[in-house]
Amino acid sequence: MLHTSPAPDLRRWDEAFHARHVRLDIVDASQAQLAEAYPAELVLVRPDGIVAWTGKLTDPDIASIVETVLGIASRPPNKASHGADLDGARRC
């Protein structure tokens, strides 16, 4: 996570990733030219360099953002699957 604000409190972000067994590296970009490149206060960058999310320190639902970024956000059941799991196998 890049942050462009001086000394933000990112403990809740770190805890949310840690609870899902994912390491969160925090990079202070507040004094660097990176702050000019990213107009957002917070920038989540995947290990492959793709920006996964940008937002503000005041975004309230950290858990939901983390789950979405990790691809584990809850989804409504697919009624067309008729009991099939995601891999297509039928449940008994």
Protein backbone atom coordinates (compact mmCIF):
# COMPACT_ATOMS: atom_id res chain seq x y z
CA MET A 1 0.00 0.00 0.00
CA LEU A 2 1.28 3.41 -0.95
CA HIS A 3 0.17 6.35 1.13
CA THR A 4 0.55 9.94 0.08
CA SER A 5 -0.50 11.51 3.40
CA PRO A 6 2.11 12.09 6.08
CA ALA A 7 1.91 9.58 8.95
CA PRO A 8 -1.50 7.96 8.37
CA ASP A 9 -2.79 5.34 10.78
CA LEU A 10 -2.94 2.17 8.67
CA ARG A 11 -3.27 -0.36 11.51
CA ARG A 12 -6.83 -1.33 10.49
CA TRP A 13 -5.63 -2.02 6.94
CA ASP A 14 -2.73 -4.10 8.20
CA GLU A 15 -5.03 -6.04 10.55
CA ALA A 16 -7.56 -6.70 7.76
CA PHE A 17 -4.90 -8.18 5.48
CA HIS A 18 -3.23 -10.07 8.34
CA ALA A 19 -6.59 -11.67 9.26
CA ARG A 20 -6.64 -13.14 5.74
CA HIS A 21 -3.00 -14.27 5.95
CA VAL A 22 -1.81 -11.72 3.40
CA ARG A 23 1.22 -9.53 4.00
CA LEU A 24 0.69 -5.81 3.46
CA ASP A 25 3.80 -3.78 2.67
CA ILE A 26 3.39 -0.08 3.39
CA VAL A 27 5.32 2.48 1.37
CA ASP A 28 5.50 6.13 2.39
CA ALA A 29 5.08 8.11 -0.81
CA SER A 30 4.20 11.39 0.88
CA GLN A 31 7.57 13.02 0.19
CA ALA A 32 8.34 11.30 -3.10
CA GLN A 33 7.36 12.03 -6.67
CA LEU A 34 5.01 9.08 -6.33
CA ALA A 35 2.56 11.37 -4.54
CA GLU A 36 2.27 13.36 -7.76
CA ALA A 37 1.69 10.19 -9.81
CA TYR A 38 -1.10 8.95 -7.53
CA PRO A 39 -3.67 11.64 -6.65
CA ALA A 40 -5.35 9.32 -4.11
CA GLU A 41 -4.38 9.19 -0.42
CA LEU A 42 -4.09 5.39 -0.51
CA VAL A 43 -3.10 3.12 -3.37
CA LEU A 44 -3.16 -0.68 -3.17
CA VAL A 45 -0.70 -2.11 -5.68
CA ARG A 46 -0.57 -5.83 -6.46
CA PRO A 47 2.82 -7.60 -6.47
CA ASP A 48 2.78 -7.49 -10.28
CA GLY A 49 2.53 -3.67 -10.20
CA ILE A 50 -1.15 -3.39 -11.14
CA VAL A 51 -3.12 -0.83 -9.11
CA ALA A 52 -5.92 -2.79 -7.44
CA TRP A 53 -7.62 0.07 -5.58
CA THR A 54 -7.28 3.77 -4.80
CA GLY A 55 -9.11 5.68 -2.14
CA LYS A 56 -9.10 7.92 0.90
CA LEU A 57 -8.07 7.38 4.50
CA THR A 58 -11.69 7.91 5.48
CA ASP A 59 -13.05 4.97 3.45
CA PRO A 60 -15.14 3.20 6.08
CA ASP A 61 -15.43 -0.40 4.97
CA ILE A 62 -11.86 -1.67 4.96
CA ALA A 63 -12.86 -5.34 5.28
CA SER A 64 -15.07 -5.14 2.19
CA ILE A 65 -12.34 -3.41 0.18
CA VAL A 66 -9.78 -6.02 1.24
CA GLU A 67 -12.12 -8.91 0.34
CA THR A 68 -12.86 -7.38 -3.06
CA VAL A 69 -9.19 -6.81 -3.81
CA LEU A 70 -8.37 -10.38 -2.79
CA GLY A 71 -11.28 -11.75 -4.83
CA ILE A 72 -13.11 -13.20 -1.85
CA ALA A 73 -16.02 -10.76 -1.66
CA SER A 74 -19.26 -12.54 -0.93
CA ARG A 75 -21.51 -13.00 -3.93
CA PRO A 76 -25.17 -13.94 -4.11
CA PRO A 77 -25.70 -17.58 -5.07
CA ASN A 78 -26.05 -18.25 -8.77
CA LYS A 79 -29.56 -19.63 -9.15
CA ALA A 80 -28.74 -20.97 -12.61
CA SER A 81 -26.16 -23.37 -11.18
CA HIS A 82 -28.84 -25.68 -9.67
CA GLY A 83 -26.55 -26.84 -6.87
CA ALA A 84 -23.32 -26.92 -8.85
CA ASP A 85 -20.18 -25.76 -7.11
CA LEU A 86 -17.89 -23.22 -8.77
CA ASP A 87 -15.92 -25.99 -10.43
CA GLY A 88 -19.09 -27.42 -11.96
CA ALA A 89 -19.29 -30.48 -9.68
CA ARG A 90 -22.74 -31.34 -8.38
CA ARG A 91 -23.32 -31.40 -4.65
CA CYS A 92 -24.75 -34.55 -3.12
